[in-house]
Amino acid sequence: MVREAPPRVDPGQTHAGRAVNVKKNCWRRPGALLPFVALAIGGCTGVQSALDPKGPAAATIAGISWIMFAGAALIFLSVIILLACGLLHRPACRRAIDSNLFIIGGGVILPVVTLSALLVYAMFAQASLVETPGEEPLVVEVIGHQWWWEMTYRDGDVSQRVTTANELHIPAGRPVELHLESRDVIHTFWVPNLAGKRDMVPGHTNVLHIEADKPGLFRGQCNEFCGDQHALMSLFVVSETPKDFERWLAGQRKRASVPTDPFLKKGHDAFMTAGCALCHTVRGTQARGQVAPDLTHFGSRHSIAAATLRNNTANLEAWIVSAQHLKPDNRMPNYHFDGETLHAVAAWLESLE
């Protein structure tokens, strides 16, 4: 049997065909990266984005980030151009790259000038972040616990001071001075939309100034690993108009009272006798515990368990009976109330507004 010889193929045509395929593949690959680029751009905004500033300090930090990004992008583009010159074997490019002038300029002078300029700019920007605000600030003491936040408003008479948990209310347009402390391990207070990070060290008080440009709800996070439930140690900052803030503060100064409604009274009594009052405080009642969040106005808050759950009836009842399942190793045990008692306890807590 005689085999036929394979057809001759012009080498030039083969290379041309390969070149066409390579070009097609080159165009396809950037297209495949578009979803990832869109995803990265989408991460520049959101409830916890330092690139979406809502206050003066955050705007300064975002400005530093964008300037450094622009500098890095220019350097990256320069490297890509040099790489292209080397790959394309252009004699003029190769001669320029091989020259000592290019090596000294691109490898020594340019980095020194660029990094020095960025350093000077960052130092001046940092100085503006630690300046004492001209207007008298609202002073709030923030204490970090495993794994929740305690806030005490120190303005006014000592008897009128307000303590709340996991939710910081501030007046829009007014500087706020936070005195940051910790009762156990190192935490870090960070609300990316409003300011930078600041450590909370046991036995030491750090100060952080924040300010919101306008009313809004901003999410914050502990940014220092502090134990098993570090990821579930969040908070909300509620920025309000000055009038709304003063109204909120006046409401927070009010004390709770023993309810007269039989159903709410049943929940109140169960709370007091089940051991909850040994850890929590509800001002105006016999609950005077000091090791867990103050619940005097719990019903007015946005979240449960340091922004772990939205504050609604279903989540509240689930938290009462399954706290160790929803946030393992926190210091609240699971409570085994019967159905009616559970509903009553939740209803009483929701009435504390």
Foldseek 3Di string as FASTA:
>chain_A
DDDDDDDDDDPVVVVVVVVVVVVVVVVVVVVVCVVVVVVVVVQCDDQFHLNQAQFDASVLVNVLVVVVVVVVVVVVVVVVVLVVCVVVVDVVSVVCVPDPVCCCCVVPVVVVVVVVVSVVSVVVSVVVQPDDDPDDAFEWEWEQDVAWIKIWGPPDDPLLIFIFIQEAEDEAPGKYKYWAAYDPAKWWKDFSNWHHIDIHHHPDTDIGITHGNAFDKHKIATPDDDDDQRVLRIGIYTYHHPVVRVVVSVLRSDADEQDPPPLLNLLVVCCVPVCVLCAEARGHDSRDHDNDTHLVQVLVDQAPRNNLGGDDLVVQLCCQQPVCPSRNPDPHDGDDDPPSNSSNNSVNSNVND
